Amino acid sequence: MQLSSKEKHRLKSKYGDWAIVTGATSGIGLELTRQLAGAGFNLIINSRHLEKLKSVENELKEKHRIEIIIVDADVSEATGIDKIVKLYFH
């Protein structure tokens, strides 16, 4: 699926310049990450696998002019969620 120009504009207007994607290294999370990057969103991408996150970051930075923050944490645990929240809000 590709987002239309109209949909990209609508999303950025409604939600701002940043998006957080968990599970960003495979499956639906990876596809969502690619779609949001293509729409021009800056991203906070999360997974438990740091090396895979770095690979996704490199792929997206080659294709898009966006900022990317990677967070290797398990969001099924409170400490993983805290790591994302502290990074973004501090």
PDB file of N, CA and C in Angstrom:
ATOM      1  N   MET A   1       0.835  -1.181   0.000  1.00  0.00           N
ATOM      2  CA  MET A   1       0.000   0.000   0.000  1.00  0.00           C
ATOM      3  C   MET A   1       0.877   1.241   0.000  1.00  0.00           C
ATOM      4  N   GLN A   2       0.502   2.208  -0.778  1.00  0.00           N
ATOM      5  CA  GLN A   2       1.193   3.493  -0.805  1.00  0.00           C
ATOM      6  C   GLN A   2       0.225   4.577  -0.337  1.00  0.00           C
ATOM      7  N   LEU A   3       0.727   5.472   0.505  1.00  0.00           N
ATOM      8  CA  LEU A   3      -0.091   6.594   0.952  1.00  0.00           C
ATOM      9  C   LEU A   3      -0.144   7.653  -0.139  1.00  0.00           C
ATOM     10  N   SER A   4      -1.326   8.178  -0.389  1.00  0.00           N
ATOM     11  CA  SER A   4      -1.464   9.252  -1.364  1.00  0.00           C
ATOM     12  C   SER A   4      -0.908  10.552  -0.789  1.00  0.00           C
ATOM     13  N   SER A   5      -0.621  11.499  -1.636  1.00  0.00           N
ATOM     14  CA  SER A   5      -0.127  12.809  -1.189  1.00  0.00           C
ATOM     15  C   SER A   5      -1.125  13.462  -0.244  1.00  0.00           C
ATOM     16  N   LYS A   6      -2.396  13.317  -0.565  1.00  0.00           N
ATOM     17  CA  LYS A   6      -3.446  13.891   0.279  1.00  0.00           C
ATOM     18  C   LYS A   6      -3.426  13.258   1.674  1.00  0.00           C
ATOM     19  N   GLU A   7      -3.268  11.943   1.732  1.00  0.00           N
ATOM     20  CA  GLU A   7      -3.250  11.238   3.017  1.00  0.00           C
ATOM     21  C   GLU A   7      -2.000  11.597   3.817  1.00  0.00           C
ATOM     22  N   LYS A   8      -0.872  11.719   3.146  1.00  0.00           N
ATOM     23  CA  LYS A   8       0.360  12.128   3.827  1.00  0.00           C
ATOM     24  C   LYS A   8       0.174  13.495   4.474  1.00  0.00           C
ATOM     25  N   HIS A   9      -0.385  14.421   3.722  1.00  0.00           N
ATOM     26  CA  HIS A   9      -0.617  15.768   4.236  1.00  0.00           C
ATOM     27  C   HIS A   9      -1.589  15.753   5.415  1.00  0.00           C
ATOM     28  N   ARG A  10      -2.659  14.974   5.284  1.00  0.00           N
ATOM     29  CA  ARG A  10      -3.644  14.879   6.357  1.00  0.00           C
ATOM     30  C   ARG A  10      -3.024  14.345   7.646  1.00  0.00           C
ATOM     31  N   LEU A  11      -2.227  13.302   7.530  1.00  0.00           N
ATOM     32  CA  LEU A  11      -1.599  12.711   8.705  1.00  0.00           C
ATOM     33  C   LEU A  11      -0.654  13.688   9.400  1.00  0.00           C
ATOM     34  N   LYS A  12       0.187  14.357   8.628  1.00  0.00           N
ATOM     35  CA  LYS A  12       1.126  15.307   9.230  1.00  0.00           C
ATOM     36  C   LYS A  12       0.402  16.502   9.838  1.00  0.00           C
ATOM     37  N   SER A  13      -0.656  16.957   9.194  1.00  0.00           N
ATOM     38  CA  SER A  13      -1.430  18.087   9.724  1.00  0.00           C
ATOM     39  C   SER A  13      -2.110  17.717  11.038  1.00  0.00           C
ATOM     40  N   LYS A  14      -2.615  16.502  11.106  1.00  0.00           N
ATOM     41  CA  LYS A  14      -3.355  16.074  12.290  1.00  0.00           C
ATOM     42  C   LYS A  14      -2.447  15.655  13.449  1.00  0.00           C
ATOM     43  N   TYR A  15      -1.319  14.978  13.131  1.00  0.00           N
ATOM     44  CA  TYR A  15      -0.517  14.364  14.184  1.00  0.00           C
ATOM     45  C   TYR A  15       0.850  14.998  14.417  1.00  0.00           C
ATOM     46  N   GLY A  16       1.280  15.893  13.561  1.00  0.00           N
ATOM     47  CA  GLY A  16       2.578  16.532  13.756  1.00  0.00           C
ATOM     48  C   GLY A  16       3.678  15.822  12.983  1.00  0.00           C
ATOM     49  N   ASP A  17       4.922  16.175  13.308  1.00  0.00           N
ATOM     50  CA  ASP A  17       6.081  15.729  12.528  1.00  0.00           C
ATOM     51  C   ASP A  17       6.699  14.411  12.982  1.00  0.00           C
ATOM     52  N   TRP A  18       6.316  13.909  14.156  1.00  0.00           N
ATOM     53  CA  TRP A  18       6.957  12.716  14.715  1.00  0.00           C
ATOM     54  C   TRP A  18       5.959  11.586  14.888  1.00  0.00           C
ATOM     55  N   ALA A  19       6.466  10.356  14.712  1.00  0.00           N
ATOM     56  CA  ALA A  19       5.676   9.151  14.971  1.00  0.00           C
ATOM     57  C   ALA A  19       6.550   8.145  15.706  1.00  0.00           C
ATOM     58  N   ILE A  20       5.931   7.346  16.556  1.00  0.00           N
ATOM     59  CA  ILE A  20       6.612   6.262  17.263  1.00  0.00           C
ATOM     60  C   ILE A  20       6.081   4.950  16.692  1.00  0.00           C
ATOM     61  N   VAL A  21       6.998   4.052  16.333  1.00  0.00           N
ATOM     62  CA  VAL A  21       6.595   2.741  15.826  1.00  0.00           C
ATOM     63  C   VAL A  21       7.311   1.675  16.645  1.00  0.00           C
ATOM     64  N   THR A  22       6.534   0.797  17.267  1.00  0.00           N
ATOM     65  CA  THR A  22       7.119  -0.346  17.962  1.00  0.00           C
ATOM     66  C   THR A  22       7.100  -1.538  17.017  1.00  0.00           C
ATOM     67  N   GLY A  23       8.004  -2.473  17.246  1.00  0.00           N
ATOM     68  CA  GLY A  23       8.104  -3.623  16.349  1.00  0.00           C
ATOM     69  C   GLY A  23       8.556  -3.205  14.964  1.00  0.00           C
ATOM     70  N   ALA A  24       9.430  -2.211  14.904  1.00  0.00           N
ATOM     71  CA  ALA A  24       9.788  -1.550  13.643  1.00  0.00           C
ATOM     72  C   ALA A  24      10.770  -2.318  12.771  1.00  0.00           C
ATOM     73  N   THR A  25      11.161  -3.515  13.171  1.00  0.00           N
ATOM     74  CA  THR A  25      12.166  -4.237  12.390  1.00  0.00           C
ATOM     75  C   THR A  25      11.613  -5.408  11.582  1.00  0.00           C
ATOM     76  N   SER A  26      10.315  -5.674  11.701  1.00  0.00           N
ATOM     77  CA  SER A  26       9.760  -6.779  10.913  1.00  0.00           C
ATOM     78  C   SER A  26       8.250  -6.630  10.772  1.00  0.00           C
ATOM     79  N   GLY A  27       7.716  -7.347   9.811  1.00  0.00           N
ATOM     80  CA  GLY A  27       6.272  -7.444   9.635  1.00  0.00           C
ATOM     81  C   GLY A  27       5.565  -6.115   9.443  1.00  0.00           C
ATOM     82  N   ILE A  28       4.405  -6.002  10.065  1.00  0.00           N
ATOM     83  CA  ILE A  28       3.572  -4.815   9.944  1.00  0.00           C
ATOM     84  C   ILE A  28       4.289  -3.583  10.482  1.00  0.00           C
ATOM     85  N   GLY A  29       5.027  -3.727  11.570  1.00  0.00           N
ATOM     86  CA  GLY A  29       5.758  -2.594  12.137  1.00  0.00           C
ATOM     87  C   GLY A  29       6.780  -2.028  11.169  1.00  0.00           C
ATOM     88  N   LEU A  30       7.486  -2.900  10.473  1.00  0.00           N
ATOM     89  CA  LEU A  30       8.477  -2.449   9.493  1.00  0.00           C
ATOM     90  C   LEU A  30       7.787  -1.753   8.324  1.00  0.00           C
ATOM     91  N   GLU A  31       6.695  -2.300   7.833  1.00  0.00           N
ATOM     92  CA  GLU A  31       5.982  -1.670   6.726  1.00  0.00           C
ATOM     93  C   GLU A  31       5.425  -0.312   7.144  1.00  0.00           C
ATOM     94  N   LEU A  32       4.877  -0.213   8.342  1.00  0.00           N
ATOM     95  CA  LEU A  32       4.377   1.059   8.843  1.00  0.00           C
ATOM     96  C   LEU A  32       5.514   2.072   8.959  1.00  0.00           C
ATOM     97  N   THR A  33       6.660   1.624   9.424  1.00  0.00           N
ATOM     98  CA  THR A  33       7.836   2.483   9.519  1.00  0.00           C
ATOM     99  C   THR A  33       8.205   3.035   8.147  1.00  0.00           C
ATOM    100  N   ARG A  34       8.234   2.176   7.146  1.00  0.00           N
ATOM    101  CA  ARG A  34       8.578   2.610   5.789  1.00  0.00           C
ATOM    102  C   ARG A  34       7.544   3.591   5.230  1.00  0.00           C
ATOM    103  N   GLN A  35       6.274   3.324   5.470  1.00  0.00           N
ATOM    104  CA  GLN A  35       5.220   4.214   4.978  1.00  0.00           C
ATOM    105  C   GLN A  35       5.299   5.589   5.637  1.00  0.00           C
ATOM    106  N   LEU A  36       5.508   5.622   6.937  1.00  0.00           N
ATOM    107  CA  LEU A  36       5.602   6.899   7.645  1.00  0.00           C
ATOM    108  C   LEU A  36       6.850   7.677   7.233  1.00  0.00           C
ATOM    109  N   ALA A  37       7.945   6.975   7.033  1.00  0.00           N
ATOM    110  CA  ALA A  37       9.166   7.639   6.551  1.00  0.00           C
ATOM    111  C   ALA A  37       8.917   8.235   5.170  1.00  0.00           C
ATOM    112  N   GLY A  38       8.241   7.487   4.313  1.00  0.00           N
ATOM    113  CA  GLY A  38       7.915   7.970   2.981  1.00  0.00           C
ATOM    114  C   GLY A  38       6.983   9.175   3.007  1.00  0.00           C
ATOM    115  N   ALA A  39       6.197   9.289   4.070  1.00  0.00           N
ATOM    116  CA  ALA A  39       5.301  10.428   4.233  1.00  0.00           C
ATOM    117  C   ALA A  39       6.012  11.627   4.840  1.00  0.00           C
ATOM    118  N   GLY A  40       7.290  11.446   5.205  1.00  0.00           N
ATOM    119  CA  GLY A  40       8.070  12.553   5.734  1.00  0.00           C
ATOM    120  C   GLY A  40       8.061  12.697   7.243  1.00  0.00           C
ATOM    121  N   PHE A  41       7.528  11.715   7.946  1.00  0.00           N
ATOM    122  CA  PHE A  41       7.546  11.774   9.405  1.00  0.00           C
ATOM    123  C   PHE A  41       8.956  11.514   9.931  1.00  0.00           C
ATOM    124  N   ASN A  42       9.349  12.232  10.967  1.00  0.00           N
ATOM    125  CA  ASN A  42      10.511  11.864  11.760  1.00  0.00           C
ATOM    126  C   ASN A  42      10.052  10.712  12.639  1.00  0.00           C
ATOM    127  N   LEU A  43      10.959   9.783  12.929  1.00  0.00           N
ATOM    128  CA  LEU A  43      10.533   8.556  13.601  1.00  0.00           C
ATOM    129  C   LEU A  43      11.330   8.223  14.842  1.00  0.00           C
ATOM    130  N   ILE A  44      10.614   7.703  15.816  1.00  0.00           N
ATOM    131  CA  ILE A  44      11.220   6.975  16.926  1.00  0.00           C
ATOM    132  C   ILE A  44      10.857   5.531  16.648  1.00  0.00           C
ATOM    133  N   ILE A  45      11.871   4.717  16.345  1.00  0.00           N
ATOM    134  CA  ILE A  45      11.599   3.316  16.014  1.00  0.00           C
ATOM    135  C   ILE A  45      12.087   2.425  17.152  1.00  0.00           C
ATOM    136  N   ASN A  46      11.284   1.430  17.461  1.00  0.00           N
ATOM    137  CA  ASN A  46      11.554   0.572  18.603  1.00  0.00           C
ATOM    138  C   ASN A  46      11.520  -0.896  18.205  1.00  0.00           C
ATOM    139  N   SER A  47      12.421  -1.632  18.834  1.00  0.00           N
ATOM    140  CA  SER A  47      12.482  -3.087  18.728  1.00  0.00           C
ATOM    141  C   SER A  47      13.400  -3.561  19.845  1.00  0.00           C
ATOM    142  N   ARG A  48      13.406  -4.839  20.089  1.00  0.00           N
ATOM    143  CA  ARG A  48      14.350  -5.400  21.062  1.00  0.00           C
ATOM    144  C   ARG A  48      15.709  -5.668  20.432  1.00  0.00           C
ATOM    145  N   HIS A  49      15.828  -5.493  19.119  1.00  0.00           N
ATOM    146  CA  HIS A  49      17.022  -5.886  18.385  1.00  0.00           C
ATOM    147  C   HIS A  49      17.772  -4.667  17.847  1.00  0.00           C
ATOM    148  N   LEU A  50      18.815  -4.270  18.545  1.00  0.00           N
ATOM    149  CA  LEU A  50      19.547  -3.054  18.197  1.00  0.00           C
ATOM    150  C   LEU A  50      20.139  -3.112  16.791  1.00  0.00           C
ATOM    151  N   GLU A  51      20.741  -4.214  16.417  1.00  0.00           N
ATOM    152  CA  GLU A  51      21.366  -4.302  15.094  1.00  0.00           C
ATOM    153  C   GLU A  51      20.334  -4.181  13.972  1.00  0.00           C
ATOM    154  N   LYS A  52      19.170  -4.791  14.160  1.00  0.00           N
ATOM    155  CA  LYS A  52      18.112  -4.665  13.159  1.00  0.00           C
ATOM    156  C   LYS A  52      17.601  -3.227  13.081  1.00  0.00           C
ATOM    157  N   LEU A  53      17.510  -2.564  14.237  1.00  0.00           N
ATOM    158  CA  LEU A  53      17.099  -1.154  14.244  1.00  0.00           C
ATOM    159  C   LEU A  53      18.084  -0.289  13.469  1.00  0.00           C
ATOM    160  N   LYS A  54      19.360  -0.545  13.671  1.00  0.00           N
ATOM    161  CA  LYS A  54      20.384   0.217  12.955  1.00  0.00           C
ATOM    162  C   LYS A  54      20.277  -0.008  11.449  1.00  0.00           C
ATOM    163  N   SER A  55      19.967  -1.223  11.046  1.00  0.00           N
ATOM    164  CA  SER A  55      19.792  -1.542   9.637  1.00  0.00           C
ATOM    165  C   SER A  55      18.600  -0.786   9.041  1.00  0.00           C
ATOM    166  N   VAL A  56      17.482  -0.771   9.757  1.00  0.00           N
ATOM    167  CA  VAL A  56      16.297  -0.039   9.305  1.00  0.00           C
ATOM    168  C   VAL A  56      16.608   1.455   9.245  1.00  0.00           C
ATOM    169  N   GLU A  57      17.278   1.954  10.255  1.00  0.00           N
ATOM    170  CA  GLU A  57      17.659   3.368  10.278  1.00  0.00           C
ATOM    171  C   GLU A  57      18.495   3.720   9.045  1.00  0.00           C
ATOM    172  N   ASN A  58      19.493   2.901   8.739  1.00  0.00           N
ATOM    173  CA  ASN A  58      20.338   3.153   7.566  1.00  0.00           C
ATOM    174  C   ASN A  58      19.529   3.126   6.275  1.00  0.00           C
ATOM    175  N   GLU A  59      18.650   2.144   6.144  1.00  0.00           N
ATOM    176  CA  GLU A  59      17.800   2.039   4.949  1.00  0.00           C
ATOM    177  C   GLU A  59      16.968   3.311   4.755  1.00  0.00           C
ATOM    178  N   LEU A  60      16.344   3.757   5.829  1.00  0.00           N
ATOM    179  CA  LEU A  60      15.443   4.903   5.724  1.00  0.00           C
ATOM    180  C   LEU A  60      16.193   6.216   5.509  1.00  0.00           C
ATOM    181  N   LYS A  61      17.352   6.349   6.118  1.00  0.00           N
ATOM    182  CA  LYS A  61      18.126   7.581   5.944  1.00  0.00           C
ATOM    183  C   LYS A  61      18.687   7.694   4.526  1.00  0.00           C
ATOM    184  N   GLU A  62      18.915   6.571   3.866  1.00  0.00           N
ATOM    185  CA  GLU A  62      19.357   6.597   2.475  1.00  0.00           C
ATOM    186  C   GLU A  62      18.252   7.081   1.544  1.00  0.00           C
ATOM    187  N   LYS A  63      17.000   6.796   1.895  1.00  0.00           N
ATOM    188  CA  LYS A  63      15.871   7.097   1.020  1.00  0.00           C
ATOM    189  C   LYS A  63      15.152   8.403   1.365  1.00  0.00           C
ATOM    190  N   HIS A  64      15.194   8.811   2.621  1.00  0.00           N
ATOM    191  CA  HIS A  64      14.358   9.923   3.076  1.00  0.00           C
ATOM    192  C   HIS A  64      15.180  10.908   3.910  1.00  0.00           C
ATOM    193  N   ARG A  65      14.787  12.137   3.874  1.00  0.00           N
ATOM    194  CA  ARG A  65      15.435  13.177   4.688  1.00  0.00           C
ATOM    195  C   ARG A  65      14.630  13.369   5.962  1.00  0.00           C
ATOM    196  N   ILE A  66      14.800  12.449   6.895  1.00  0.00           N
ATOM    197  CA  ILE A  66      14.066  12.495   8.154  1.00  0.00           C
ATOM    198  C   ILE A  66      15.021  12.241   9.303  1.00  0.00           C
ATOM    199  N   GLU A  67      14.578  12.614  10.494  1.00  0.00           N
ATOM    200  CA  GLU A  67      15.311  12.292  11.708  1.00  0.00           C
ATOM    201  C   GLU A  67      14.787  10.965  12.241  1.00  0.00           C
ATOM    202  N   ILE A  68      15.704  10.162  12.771  1.00  0.00           N
ATOM    203  CA  ILE A  68      15.319   8.868  13.329  1.00  0.00           C
ATOM    204  C   ILE A  68      16.025   8.681  14.662  1.00  0.00           C
ATOM    205  N   ILE A  69      15.250   8.291  15.652  1.00  0.00           N
ATOM    206  CA  ILE A  69      15.791   7.914  16.951  1.00  0.00           C
ATOM    207  C   ILE A  69      15.478   6.444  17.140  1.00  0.00           C
ATOM    208  N   ILE A  70      16.493   5.657  17.474  1.00  0.00           N
ATOM    209  CA  ILE A  70      16.249   4.232  17.696  1.00  0.00           C
ATOM    210  C   ILE A  70      16.261   3.947  19.193  1.00  0.00           C
ATOM    211  N   VAL A  71      15.349   3.069  19.608  1.00  0.00           N
ATOM    212  CA  VAL A  71      15.231   2.680  21.012  1.00  0.00           C
ATOM    213  C   VAL A  71      15.130   1.164  21.067  1.00  0.00           C
ATOM    214  N   ASP A  72      16.178   0.542  21.569  1.00  0.00           N
ATOM    215  CA  ASP A  72      16.141  -0.922  21.732  1.00  0.00           C
ATOM    216  C   ASP A  72      15.626  -1.223  23.138  1.00  0.00           C
ATOM    217  N   ALA A  73      14.370  -1.629  23.197  1.00  0.00           N
ATOM    218  CA  ALA A  73      13.734  -1.904  24.478  1.00  0.00           C
ATOM    219  C   ALA A  73      12.555  -2.844  24.257  1.00  0.00           C
ATOM    220  N   ASP A  74      12.229  -3.598  25.285  1.00  0.00           N
ATOM    221  CA  ASP A  74      11.082  -4.498  25.248  1.00  0.00           C
ATOM    222  C   ASP A  74       9.884  -3.756  25.831  1.00  0.00           C
ATOM    223  N   VAL A  75       8.944  -3.352  24.979  1.00  0.00           N
ATOM    224  CA  VAL A  75       7.809  -2.564  25.453  1.00  0.00           C
ATOM    225  C   VAL A  75       6.737  -3.406  26.144  1.00  0.00           C
ATOM    226  N   SER A  76       6.958  -4.707  26.261  1.00  0.00           N
ATOM    227  CA  SER A  76       6.040  -5.516  27.062  1.00  0.00           C
ATOM    228  C   SER A  76       6.369  -5.380  28.548  1.00  0.00           C
ATOM    229  N   GLU A  77       7.464  -4.684  28.839  1.00  0.00           N
ATOM    230  CA  GLU A  77       7.878  -4.414  30.216  1.00  0.00           C
ATOM    231  C   GLU A  77       7.829  -2.910  30.477  1.00  0.00           C
ATOM    232  N   ALA A  78       7.496  -2.532  31.700  1.00  0.00           N
ATOM    233  CA  ALA A  78       7.388  -1.110  32.058  1.00  0.00           C
ATOM    234  C   ALA A  78       8.695  -0.362  31.816  1.00  0.00           C
ATOM    235  N   THR A  79       9.828  -1.022  32.047  1.00  0.00           N
ATOM    236  CA  THR A  79      11.109  -0.346  31.839  1.00  0.00           C
ATOM    237  C   THR A  79      11.334   0.005  30.377  1.00  0.00           C
ATOM    238  N   GLY A  80      10.819  -0.814  29.465  1.00  0.00           N
ATOM    239  CA  GLY A  80      10.933  -0.528  28.042  1.00  0.00           C
ATOM    240  C   GLY A  80      10.121   0.691  27.646  1.00  0.00           C
ATOM    241  N   ILE A  81       8.920   0.783  28.170  1.00  0.00           N
ATOM    242  CA  ILE A  81       8.069   1.950  27.894  1.00  0.00           C
ATOM    243  C   ILE A  81       8.698   3.197  28.507  1.00  0.00           C
ATOM    244  N   ASP A  82       9.212   3.076  29.722  1.00  0.00           N
ATOM    245  CA  ASP A  82       9.867   4.211  30.376  1.00  0.00           C
ATOM    246  C   ASP A  82      11.041   4.719  29.557  1.00  0.00           C
ATOM    247  N   LYS A  83      11.784   3.824  28.945  1.00  0.00           N
ATOM    248  CA  LYS A  83      12.933   4.216  28.136  1.00  0.00           C
ATOM    249  C   LYS A  83      12.495   5.097  26.963  1.00  0.00           C
ATOM    250  N   ILE A  84      11.406   4.746  26.314  1.00  0.00           N
ATOM    251  CA  ILE A  84      10.888   5.553  25.207  1.00  0.00           C
ATOM    252  C   ILE A  84      10.380   6.893  25.713  1.00  0.00           C
ATOM    253  N   VAL A  85       9.599   6.875  26.778  1.00  0.00           N
ATOM    254  CA  VAL A  85       9.011   8.105  27.310  1.00  0.00           C
ATOM    255  C   VAL A  85      10.112   9.072  27.765  1.00  0.00           C
ATOM    256  N   LYS A  86      11.103   8.591  28.474  1.00  0.00           N
ATOM    257  CA  LYS A  86      12.187   9.452  28.952  1.00  0.00           C
ATOM    258  C   LYS A  86      12.976  10.041  27.800  1.00  0.00           C
ATOM    259  N   LEU A  87      13.195   9.248  26.779  1.00  0.00           N
ATOM    260  CA  LEU A  87      13.944   9.717  25.620  1.00  0.00           C
ATOM    261  C   LEU A  87      13.178  10.823  24.900  1.00  0.00           C
ATOM    262  N   TYR A  88      11.902  10.643  24.720  1.00  0.00           N
ATOM    263  CA  TYR A  88      11.106  11.582  23.941  1.00  0.00           C
ATOM    264  C   TYR A  88      10.747  12.839  24.718  1.00  0.00           C
ATOM    265  N   PHE A  89      10.451  12.705  25.995  1.00  0.00           N
ATOM    266  CA  PHE A  89       9.924  13.833  26.752  1.00  0.00           C
ATOM    267  C   PHE A  89      10.961  14.543  27.628  1.00  0.00           C
ATOM    268  N   HIS A  90      12.208  14.120  27.573  1.00  0.00           N
ATOM    269  CA  HIS A  90      13.213  14.809  28.397  1.00  0.00           C
ATOM    270  C   HIS A  90      14.300  15.407  27.573  1.00  0.00           C
TER     271      HIS A  90
END
